[in-house]
C-alpha atoms as a PDB file:
ATOM      1  CA  MET A   1     125.999  -5.831  46.385  1.00  0.00           C
ATOM      2  CA  ILE A   2     126.280  -8.915  44.185  1.00  0.00           C
ATOM      3  CA  TYR A   3     128.848  -9.157  41.406  1.00  0.00           C
ATOM      4  CA  HIS A   4     127.444 -11.490  38.764  1.00  0.00           C
ATOM      5  CA  PHE A   5     130.202 -13.094  36.685  1.00  0.00           C
ATOM      6  CA  VAL A   6     129.444 -14.526  33.241  1.00  0.00           C
ATOM      7  CA  VAL A   7     131.532 -15.353  30.187  1.00  0.00           C
ATOM      8  CA  GLY A   8     130.879 -13.175  27.135  1.00  0.00           C
ATOM      9  CA  ASP A   9     128.927 -10.042  26.347  1.00  0.00           C
ATOM     10  CA  GLU A  10     126.023 -12.017  24.879  1.00  0.00           C
ATOM     11  CA  ALA A  11     125.537 -13.907  28.148  1.00  0.00           C
ATOM     12  CA  ALA A  12     125.683 -10.631  30.046  1.00  0.00           C
ATOM     13  CA  LYS A  13     122.726  -9.118  28.166  1.00  0.00           C
ATOM     14  CA  PRO A  14     119.853 -11.287  29.507  1.00  0.00           C
ATOM     15  CA  LEU A  15     121.465 -11.368  32.938  1.00  0.00           C
ATOM     16  CA  GLN A  16     121.570  -7.572  33.026  1.00  0.00           C
ATOM     17  CA  GLN A  17     117.870  -7.526  32.147  1.00  0.00           C
ATOM     18  CA  ALA A  18     117.167 -10.069  34.890  1.00  0.00           C
ATOM     19  CA  LEU A  19     118.826  -7.796  37.447  1.00  0.00           C
ATOM     20  CA  SER A  20     116.607  -4.915  36.366  1.00  0.00           C
ATOM     21  CA  ILE A  21     113.425  -6.864  37.131  1.00  0.00           C
ATOM     22  CA  CYS A  22     114.521  -8.666  40.296  1.00  0.00           C
ATOM     23  CA  PRO A  23     115.571  -6.605  43.354  1.00  0.00           C
ATOM     24  CA  GLU A  24     116.933  -9.739  45.030  1.00  0.00           C
ATOM     25  CA  MET A  25     119.610  -9.942  42.320  1.00  0.00           C
ATOM     26  CA  GLU A  26     120.577  -6.287  42.517  1.00  0.00           C
ATOM     27  CA  GLY A  27     124.222  -5.775  41.693  1.00  0.00           C
ATOM     28  CA  SER A  28     126.633  -5.532  38.792  1.00  0.00           C
ATOM     29  CA  VAL A  29     127.281  -7.851  35.844  1.00  0.00           C
ATOM     30  CA  VAL A  30     130.933  -8.587  35.066  1.00  0.00           C
ATOM     31  CA  ALA A  31     131.380 -10.073  31.585  1.00  0.00           C
ATOM     32  CA  LEU A  32     134.651 -11.971  31.146  1.00  0.00           C
ATOM     33  CA  LYS A  33     135.956 -11.695  27.584  1.00  0.00           C
ATOM     34  CA  ASP A  34     138.491 -14.500  27.322  1.00  0.00           C
ATOM     35  CA  LEU A  35     137.637 -18.010  26.114  1.00  0.00           C
ATOM     36  CA  LEU A  36     139.977 -19.936  28.350  1.00  0.00           C
ATOM     37  CA  HIS A  37     139.205 -23.351  26.876  1.00  0.00           C
ATOM     38  CA  LEU A  38     141.225 -22.265  23.829  1.00  0.00           C
ATOM     39  CA  GLY A  39     144.941 -21.537  23.756  1.00  0.00           C
ATOM     40  CA  PRO A  40     147.768 -21.648  26.319  1.00  0.00           C
ATOM     41  CA  LEU A  41     147.409 -21.140  30.065  1.00  0.00           C
ATOM     42  CA  LYS A  42     151.010 -21.445  31.229  1.00  0.00           C
ATOM     43  CA  LYS A  43     152.883 -18.155  31.223  1.00  0.00           C
ATOM     44  CA  GLU A  44     156.616 -17.788  30.845  1.00  0.00           C
ATOM     45  CA  GLU A  45     158.821 -16.385  33.586  1.00  0.00           C
ATOM     46  CA  HIS A  46     158.334 -12.609  33.940  1.00  0.00           C
ATOM     47  CA  GLN A  47     155.258 -12.816  31.666  1.00  0.00           C
ATOM     48  CA  SER A  48     151.861 -11.765  32.962  1.00  0.00           C
ATOM     49  CA  PHE A  49     148.810 -13.916  32.362  1.00  0.00           C
ATOM     50  CA  ASN A  50     147.086 -11.097  30.506  1.00  0.00           C
ATOM     51  CA  THR A  51     150.102 -10.738  28.220  1.00  0.00           C
ATOM     52  CA  LEU A  52     150.158 -14.470  27.507  1.00  0.00           C
ATOM     53  CA  ARG A  53     146.495 -14.545  26.574  1.00  0.00           C
ATOM     54  CA  THR A  54     146.464 -11.245  24.688  1.00  0.00           C
ATOM     55  CA  GLU A  55     149.466 -12.217  22.556  1.00  0.00           C
ATOM     56  CA  TRP A  56     147.899 -15.569  21.675  1.00  0.00           C
ATOM     57  CA  TRP A  57     144.602 -13.993  20.683  1.00  0.00           C
ATOM     58  CA  GLN A  58     146.429 -11.365  18.649  1.00  0.00           C
ATOM     59  CA  GLU A  59     148.009 -14.229  16.692  1.00  0.00           C
ATOM     60  CA  VAL A  60     144.581 -15.761  16.091  1.00  0.00           C
ATOM     61  CA  LEU A  61     143.129 -12.369  15.155  1.00  0.00           C
ATOM     62  CA  ALA A  62     146.132 -11.253  13.113  1.00  0.00           C
ATOM     63  CA  ASN A  63     144.192 -11.064   9.837  1.00  0.00           C
ATOM     64  CA  THR A  64     141.049  -9.466  11.240  1.00  0.00           C
ATOM     65  CA  LYS A  65     142.511  -6.018  11.949  1.00  0.00           C
ATOM     66  CA  THR A  66     140.992  -6.250  15.429  1.00  0.00           C
ATOM     67  CA  ASN A  67     142.647  -4.531  18.364  1.00  0.00           C
ATOM     68  CA  PHE A  68     142.396  -6.997  21.208  1.00  0.00           C
ATOM     69  CA  GLU A  69     143.447  -6.577  24.808  1.00  0.00           C
ATOM     70  CA  LEU A  70     142.158  -8.485  27.806  1.00  0.00           C
ATOM     71  CA  ASN A  71     141.381  -7.035  31.212  1.00  0.00           C
ATOM     72  CA  ASP A  72     139.606 -10.020  32.820  1.00  0.00           C
ATOM     73  CA  LEU A  73     142.216 -10.383  35.537  1.00  0.00           C
ATOM     74  CA  GLN A  74     142.044  -6.698  36.416  1.00  0.00           C
ATOM     75  CA  GLU A  75     138.263  -6.964  36.714  1.00  0.00           C
ATOM     76  CA  LEU A  76     138.523 -10.035  38.921  1.00  0.00           C
ATOM     77  CA  LEU A  77     141.057  -8.360  41.209  1.00  0.00           C
ATOM     78  CA  ARG A  78     138.958  -5.182  41.319  1.00  0.00           C
ATOM     79  CA  VAL A  79     135.942  -7.130  42.521  1.00  0.00           C
ATOM     80  CA  GLY A  80     138.139  -8.980  45.016  1.00  0.00           C
ATOM     81  CA  ASN A  81     139.166  -5.623  46.475  1.00  0.00           C
ATOM     82  CA  GLU A  82     135.511  -4.622  46.756  1.00  0.00           C
ATOM     83  CA  LEU A  83     134.829  -7.823  48.693  1.00  0.00           C
ATOM     84  CA  ASN A  84     137.620  -6.859  51.082  1.00  0.00           C
ATOM     85  CA  LYS A  85     136.050  -3.451  51.666  1.00  0.00           C
ATOM     86  CA  SER A  86     132.431  -4.518  52.116  1.00  0.00           C
ATOM     87  CA  ASN A  87     131.064  -7.305  54.283  1.00  0.00           C
ATOM     88  CA  GLY A  88     127.858  -7.241  52.249  1.00  0.00           C
ATOM     89  CA  ALA A  89     129.538  -7.777  48.875  1.00  0.00           C
ATOM     90  CA  ALA A  90     129.395 -11.190  47.230  1.00  0.00           C
ATOM     91  CA  ILE A  91     130.129 -12.951  43.940  1.00  0.00           C
ATOM     92  CA  TRP A  92     127.751 -15.144  41.983  1.00  0.00           C
ATOM     93  CA  PHE A  93     129.494 -17.102  39.254  1.00  0.00           C
ATOM     94  CA  TRP A  94     126.984 -18.184  36.590  1.00  0.00           C
ATOM     95  CA  LEU A  95     127.855 -21.498  34.953  1.00  0.00           C
ATOM     96  CA  ALA A  96     126.345 -22.980  31.816  1.00  0.00           C
ATOM     97  CA  PRO A  97     127.536 -26.390  30.537  1.00  0.00           C
ATOM     98  CA  TRP A  98     129.967 -24.744  28.143  1.00  0.00           C
ATOM     99  CA  PRO A  99     133.762 -25.236  28.197  1.00  0.00           C
ATOM    100  CA  ALA A 100     134.509 -21.490  28.270  1.00  0.00           C
ATOM    101  CA  ASP A 101     132.333 -21.116  31.381  1.00  0.00           C
ATOM    102  CA  ILE A 102     133.886 -24.081  33.165  1.00  0.00           C
ATOM    103  CA  CYS A 103     137.452 -22.982  32.411  1.00  0.00           C
ATOM    104  CA  ALA A 104     136.708 -19.446  33.575  1.00  0.00           C
ATOM    105  CA  TYR A 105     135.234 -20.856  36.781  1.00  0.00           C
ATOM    106  CA  TYR A 106     138.377 -22.842  37.626  1.00  0.00           C
ATOM    107  CA  TRP A 107     140.596 -19.903  36.703  1.00  0.00           C
ATOM    108  CA  ALA A 108     138.614 -17.407  38.792  1.00  0.00           C
ATOM    109  CA  MET A 109     138.534 -19.626  41.864  1.00  0.00           C
ATOM    110  CA  SER A 110     142.331 -19.725  41.902  1.00  0.00           C
ATOM    111  CA  TYR A 111     142.163 -15.987  42.683  1.00  0.00           C
ATOM    112  CA  LEU A 112     139.028 -16.000  44.836  1.00  0.00           C
ATOM    113  CA  GLN A 113     139.903 -18.741  47.315  1.00  0.00           C
ATOM    114  CA  LYS A 114     140.682 -16.160  50.022  1.00  0.00           C
ATOM    115  CA  HIS A 115     137.073 -14.942  49.745  1.00  0.00           C
ATOM    116  CA  LEU A 116     135.577 -18.262  50.812  1.00  0.00           C
ATOM    117  CA  GLY A 117     132.054 -17.726  52.086  1.00  0.00           C
ATOM    118  CA  LYS A 118     131.420 -14.817  49.727  1.00  0.00           C
ATOM    119  CA  VAL A 119     131.489 -16.785  46.479  1.00  0.00           C
ATOM    120  CA  SER A 120     128.440 -18.615  45.163  1.00  0.00           C
ATOM    121  CA  VAL A 121     127.927 -20.672  42.017  1.00  0.00           C
ATOM    122  CA  VAL A 122     124.770 -20.752  39.923  1.00  0.00           C
ATOM    123  CA  SER A 123     125.065 -23.951  37.885  1.00  0.00           C
ATOM    124  CA  LEU A 124     122.594 -24.504  35.044  1.00  0.00           C
ATOM    125  CA  ALA A 125     123.922 -27.892  33.933  1.00  0.00           C
ATOM    126  CA  ASN A 126     121.317 -30.546  33.088  1.00  0.00           C
ATOM    127  CA  LEU A 127     118.406 -28.308  34.038  1.00  0.00           C
ATOM    128  CA  PRO A 128     115.431 -27.532  31.766  1.00  0.00           C
ATOM    129  CA  PHE A 129     114.288 -23.983  31.091  1.00  0.00           C
ATOM    130  CA  LEU A 130     111.565 -22.385  28.997  1.00  0.00           C
ATOM    131  CA  ASP A 131     112.445 -20.787  25.674  1.00  0.00           C
ATOM    132  CA  GLU A 132     110.720 -17.715  24.251  1.00  0.00           C
ATOM    133  CA  ASN A 133     107.905 -19.941  22.955  1.00  0.00           C
ATOM    134  CA  GLY A 134     107.317 -21.615  26.304  1.00  0.00           C
ATOM    135  CA  LYS A 135     108.924 -24.914  25.333  1.00  0.00           C
ATOM    136  CA  LEU A 136     111.336 -26.789  27.565  1.00  0.00           C
ATOM    137  CA  PHE A 137     114.975 -26.974  26.482  1.00  0.00           C
ATOM    138  CA  TYR A 138     118.406 -27.518  27.998  1.00  0.00           C
ATOM    139  CA  PRO A 139     120.595 -24.449  27.423  1.00  0.00           C
ATOM    140  CA  LYS A 140     124.283 -24.728  26.661  1.00  0.00           C
ATOM    141  CA  ASN A 141     124.932 -21.026  27.050  1.00  0.00           C
ATOM    142  CA  ILE A 142     123.459 -18.378  29.317  1.00  0.00           C
ATOM    143  CA  SER A 143     122.856 -16.165  26.286  1.00  0.00           C
ATOM    144  CA  GLU A 144     120.090 -18.611  25.256  1.00  0.00           C
ATOM    145  CA  LEU A 145     118.003 -17.902  28.349  1.00  0.00           C
ATOM    146  CA  GLN A 146     115.200 -15.418  28.770  1.00  0.00           C
ATOM    147  CA  PRO A 147     115.696 -12.871  31.599  1.00  0.00           C
ATOM    148  CA  LYS A 148     112.691 -14.229  33.518  1.00  0.00           C
ATOM    149  CA  GLU A 149     114.244 -17.695  33.463  1.00  0.00           C
ATOM    150  CA  LEU A 150     117.436 -16.291  34.937  1.00  0.00           C
ATOM    151  CA  VAL A 151     115.365 -14.708  37.688  1.00  0.00           C
ATOM    152  CA  LYS A 152     114.044 -18.177  38.524  1.00  0.00           C
ATOM    153  CA  ALA A 153     117.575 -19.574  38.371  1.00  0.00           C
ATOM    154  CA  ARG A 154     118.713 -17.220  41.141  1.00  0.00           C
ATOM    155  CA  LYS A 155     117.393 -19.804  43.612  1.00  0.00           C
ATOM    156  CA  LEU A 156     120.151 -22.148  42.443  1.00  0.00           C
ATOM    157  CA  ALA A 157     122.847 -19.870  43.877  1.00  0.00           C
ATOM    158  CA  ARG A 158     124.876 -21.875  46.383  1.00  0.00           C
ATOM    159  CA  VAL A 159     127.818 -20.736  48.485  1.00  0.00           C
ATOM    160  CA  MET A 160     130.922 -22.727  47.641  1.00  0.00           C
ATOM    161  CA  SER A 161     132.279 -25.032  50.325  1.00  0.00           C
ATOM    162  CA  THR A 162     135.923 -25.256  51.323  1.00  0.00           C
ATOM    163  CA  SER A 163     136.328 -28.600  49.564  1.00  0.00           C
ATOM    164  CA  GLU A 164     134.749 -27.281  46.354  1.00  0.00           C
ATOM    165  CA  MET A 165     137.064 -24.300  46.330  1.00  0.00           C
ATOM    166  CA  GLU A 166     140.138 -26.438  46.968  1.00  0.00           C
ATOM    167  CA  LEU A 167     139.133 -28.831  44.191  1.00  0.00           C
ATOM    168  CA  ALA A 168     138.609 -25.970  41.739  1.00  0.00           C
ATOM    169  CA  VAL A 169     142.081 -24.611  42.500  1.00  0.00           C
ATOM    170  CA  GLU A 170     143.637 -28.076  42.041  1.00  0.00           C
ATOM    171  CA  VAL A 171     141.877 -28.582  38.721  1.00  0.00           C
ATOM    172  CA  TYR A 172     143.068 -25.238  37.405  1.00  0.00           C
ATOM    173  CA  GLU A 173     146.636 -26.006  38.431  1.00  0.00           C
ATOM    174  CA  SER A 174     146.441 -29.280  36.512  1.00  0.00           C
ATOM    175  CA  LEU A 175     145.134 -27.460  33.437  1.00  0.00           C
ATOM    176  CA  VAL A 176     148.022 -25.011  33.587  1.00  0.00           C
ATOM    177  CA  THR A 177     150.525 -27.844  33.950  1.00  0.00           C
ATOM    178  CA  ALA A 178     149.060 -29.671  30.933  1.00  0.00           C
ATOM    179  CA  ASN A 179     148.911 -26.387  28.979  1.00  0.00           C
ATOM    180  CA  ALA A 180     146.985 -28.044  26.166  1.00  0.00           C
ATOM    181  CA  GLY A 181     145.839 -26.179  23.078  1.00  0.00           C
ATOM    182  CA  ILE A 182     142.175 -26.945  23.704  1.00  0.00           C
ATOM    183  CA  ARG A 183     140.113 -28.051  26.688  1.00  0.00           C
ATOM    184  CA  VAL A 184     136.986 -30.082  25.929  1.00  0.00           C
ATOM    185  CA  LEU A 185     134.059 -30.383  28.306  1.00  0.00           C
ATOM    186  CA  GLU A 186     132.946 -33.863  29.313  1.00  0.00           C
ATOM    187  CA  GLY A 187     130.060 -34.052  31.733  1.00  0.00           C
ATOM    188  CA  ASP A 188     129.185 -31.142  34.002  1.00  0.00           C
ATOM    189  CA  LYS A 189     132.629 -29.864  34.988  1.00  0.00           C
ATOM    190  CA  SER A 190     135.198 -32.346  33.677  1.00  0.00           C
ATOM    191  CA  LEU A 191     137.679 -31.020  31.126  1.00  0.00           C
ATOM    192  CA  LEU A 192     139.822 -33.072  28.757  1.00  0.00           C
ATOM    193  CA  ASN A 193     143.076 -31.705  27.349  1.00  0.00           C
ATOM    194  CA  ARG A 194     143.367 -31.831  23.574  1.00  0.00           C
ATOM    195  CA  PRO A 195     145.859 -30.444  20.988  1.00  0.00           C
ATOM    196  CA  ILE A 196     145.251 -27.123  19.246  1.00  0.00           C
ATOM    197  CA  ASP A 197     144.357 -28.911  15.981  1.00  0.00           C
ATOM    198  CA  PHE A 198     141.691 -31.042  17.682  1.00  0.00           C
ATOM    199  CA  TYR A 199     138.837 -29.651  15.553  1.00  0.00           C
ATOM    200  CA  ASP A 200     140.782 -29.657  12.271  1.00  0.00           C
ATOM    201  CA  ALA A 201     139.508 -33.137  11.367  1.00  0.00           C
ATOM    202  CA  ASP A 202     135.905 -31.918  11.643  1.00  0.00           C
ATOM    203  CA  LEU A 203     136.661 -29.009   9.331  1.00  0.00           C
ATOM    204  CA  LEU A 204     138.456 -31.262   6.836  1.00  0.00           C
ATOM    205  CA  SER A 205     135.487 -33.656   6.773  1.00  0.00           C
ATOM    206  CA  LEU A 206     133.315 -30.828   5.414  1.00  0.00           C
ATOM    207  CA  LEU A 207     135.607 -29.913   2.512  1.00  0.00           C
ATOM    208  CA  THR A 208     135.024 -31.179  -1.014  1.00  0.00           C
ATOM    209  CA  ASN A 209     136.833 -31.037  -4.358  1.00  0.00           C
ATOM    210  CA  SER A 210     135.080 -27.736  -5.077  1.00  0.00           C
ATOM    211  CA  PHE A 211     135.791 -24.409  -3.437  1.00  0.00           C
ATOM    212  CA  GLN A 212     133.409 -23.375  -0.665  1.00  0.00           C
ATOM    213  CA  LYS A 213     133.184 -20.112   1.219  1.00  0.00           C
ATOM    214  CA  ALA A 214     135.041 -20.352   4.508  1.00  0.00           C
ATOM    215  CA  THR A 215     131.926 -18.954   6.182  1.00  0.00           C
ATOM    216  CA  LYS A 216     129.860 -21.868   4.856  1.00  0.00           C
ATOM    217  CA  VAL A 217     132.345 -24.432   6.142  1.00  0.00           C
ATOM    218  CA  MET A 218     132.340 -22.856   9.594  1.00  0.00           C
ATOM    219  CA  SER A 219     128.563 -22.532   9.704  1.00  0.00           C
ATOM    220  CA  THR A 220     128.175 -26.198   8.811  1.00  0.00           C
ATOM    221  CA  ALA A 221     130.752 -27.150  11.455  1.00  0.00           C
ATOM    222  CA  PHE A 222     128.780 -25.345  14.133  1.00  0.00           C
ATOM    223  CA  SER A 223     125.452 -26.886  13.142  1.00  0.00           C
ATOM    224  CA  LYS A 224     126.747 -30.419  12.519  1.00  0.00           C
ATOM    225  CA  PHE A 225     129.330 -30.814  15.272  1.00  0.00           C
ATOM    226  CA  GLY A 226     128.328 -28.112  17.752  1.00  0.00           C
ATOM    227  CA  LEU A 227     131.906 -26.867  18.002  1.00  0.00           C
ATOM    228  CA  PRO A 228     132.247 -24.521  21.019  1.00  0.00           C
ATOM    229  CA  THR A 229     134.899 -22.260  19.561  1.00  0.00           C
ATOM    230  CA  GLY A 230     133.497 -19.208  17.818  1.00  0.00           C
ATOM    231  CA  ASP A 231     134.061 -18.391  14.148  1.00  0.00           C
ATOM    232  CA  ILE A 232     137.325 -16.475  14.641  1.00  0.00           C
ATOM    233  CA  PHE A 233     139.084 -19.559  15.983  1.00  0.00           C
ATOM    234  CA  LEU A 234     137.821 -21.820  13.172  1.00  0.00           C
ATOM    235  CA  ALA A 235     138.815 -19.259  10.542  1.00  0.00           C
ATOM    236  CA  TRP A 236     142.295 -19.236  12.052  1.00  0.00           C
ATOM    237  CA  ARG A 237     142.497 -23.026  11.882  1.00  0.00           C
ATOM    238  CA  LEU A 238     141.535 -22.927   8.190  1.00  0.00           C
ATOM    239  CA  GLN A 239     144.218 -20.306   7.623  1.00  0.00           C
ATOM    240  CA  VAL A 240     146.809 -22.464   9.382  1.00  0.00           C
ATOM    241  CA  MET A 241     145.871 -25.504   7.292  1.00  0.00           C
ATOM    242  CA  ALA A 242     145.990 -23.477   4.094  1.00  0.00           C
ATOM    243  CA  ALA A 243     149.399 -22.027   4.975  1.00  0.00           C
ATOM    244  CA  SER A 244     150.789 -25.495   5.693  1.00  0.00           C
ATOM    245  CA  GLY A 245     149.426 -26.938   2.437  1.00  0.00           C
ATOM    246  CA  LEU A 246     146.868 -29.240   4.047  1.00  0.00           C
ATOM    247  CA  ILE A 247     144.037 -27.556   2.122  1.00  0.00           C
ATOM    248  CA  ASP A 248     143.736 -25.333  -0.930  1.00  0.00           C
ATOM    249  CA  SER A 249     142.533 -21.755  -0.624  1.00  0.00           C
ATOM    250  CA  GLN A 250     141.240 -19.226  -3.124  1.00  0.00           C
ATOM    251  CA  GLY A 251     141.429 -15.555  -2.295  1.00  0.00           C
ATOM    252  CA  ALA A 252     143.789 -13.982   0.206  1.00  0.00           C
ATOM    253  CA  THR A 253     143.347 -15.632   3.599  1.00  0.00           C
ATOM    254  CA  THR A 254     144.799 -12.464   5.088  1.00  0.00           C
ATOM    255  CA  ARG A 255     141.479 -10.823   4.287  1.00  0.00           C
ATOM    256  CA  PRO A 256     138.249 -11.301   6.326  1.00  0.00           C
ATOM    257  CA  TYR A 257     137.133 -14.926   6.109  1.00  0.00           C
ATOM    258  CA  LYS A 258     133.975 -14.025   4.175  1.00  0.00           C
ATOM    259  CA  ASP A 259     136.256 -13.129   1.244  1.00  0.00           C
ATOM    260  CA  TRP A 260     138.023 -16.455   0.681  1.00  0.00           C
ATOM    261  CA  GLU A 261     137.254 -20.082  -0.097  1.00  0.00           C
ATOM    262  CA  VAL A 262     138.719 -23.500   0.692  1.00  0.00           C
ATOM    263  CA  ARG A 263     138.695 -27.030  -0.709  1.00  0.00           C
ATOM    264  CA  LEU A 264     140.536 -30.328  -0.400  1.00  0.00           C
ATOM    265  CA  VAL A 265     144.171 -30.155  -1.388  1.00  0.00           C
ATOM    266  CA  GLY A 266     145.055 -31.355  -4.881  1.00  0.00           C
ATOM    267  CA  SER A 267     141.479 -31.025  -6.140  1.00  0.00           C
ATOM    268  CA  GLY A 268     142.657 -28.981  -9.105  1.00  0.00           C
ATOM    269  CA  ASN A 269     144.024 -32.080 -10.842  1.00  0.00           C
ATOM    270  CA  LYS A 270     140.655 -33.745 -10.537  1.00  0.00           C
ATOM    271  CA  GLU A 271     138.942 -30.713 -12.031  1.00  0.00           C
ATOM    272  CA  ILE A 272     141.370 -30.739 -14.986  1.00  0.00           C
ATOM    273  CA  GLN A 273     140.674 -34.438 -15.477  1.00  0.00           C
ATOM    274  CA  GLU A 274     136.920 -33.887 -15.477  1.00  0.00           C
ATOM    275  CA  ALA A 275     137.180 -30.926 -17.828  1.00  0.00           C
ATOM    276  CA  GLN A 276     139.250 -32.855 -20.352  1.00  0.00           C
ATOM    277  CA  ASN A 277     137.375 -36.127 -19.784  1.00  0.00           C
ATOM    278  CA  LEU A 278     140.701 -37.956 -19.449  1.00  0.00           C
ATOM    279  CA  PRO A 279     141.848 -40.711 -17.091  1.00  0.00           C
ATOM    280  CA  LEU A 280     143.565 -39.251 -14.069  1.00  0.00           C
ATOM    281  CA  SER A 281     146.895 -40.852 -15.013  1.00  0.00           C
ATOM    282  CA  ASP A 282     146.781 -39.064 -18.412  1.00  0.00           C
ATOM    283  CA  ALA A 283     145.752 -35.745 -16.890  1.00  0.00           C
ATOM    284  CA  LEU A 284     148.757 -35.641 -14.552  1.00  0.00           C
END
């Protein structure tokens, strides 16, 4: 029995299909929900890790009316118990060159170190695969891969060595100590600690003197900068900037982000000036 760990439901879909067509990969897919490259990692005394992460995500999701509760740790511990019961059970941790994957890998290894010899990694970094049209590309997320390509990738599974496991645990401990707002991927597995407002400058660079839909700003940010955050996080950052007066907003930012707009702060004076065709000094 192989427990295949991936980050996100979208990544789990093609992997689940791959298992159905390849007996050698027979097992169960475990989709981790949390994006550990975003938000705090260091819990307070008497606070559980799940509580820390759930409370932070509830803050981010406060205006989405989404009920959010994590159970990643429970799933990890459940699988760990299964490994204790069965000599034939094993874990394959699938890794794409994506910060959420890398952070989840370091986090998981801090709990799986006692299962050394039963944990393998399937790393897809810097490897070409075929897309649905048969063209070579380098995936950044497992969700981009066709099931048949994941079947081929099974041959990359490699049992972790003692030194690799120890290093993973050390790296995670350093990430917890730093407790940065954001962790940015550099290279295959190197993570850089950055403040929670790290991507705000990219968002601000896309704003103009005219109101734009928040959805348009976020879409452009993803396509232009390749931000690895998800739209919920970027919408939250726009809300934070609007609340602090760094940008102007139109429409209630407490509503879903498709319902409100943003622009550079103070742009209204410029619009008045243009409308009245007056020098800015006279319009103020």
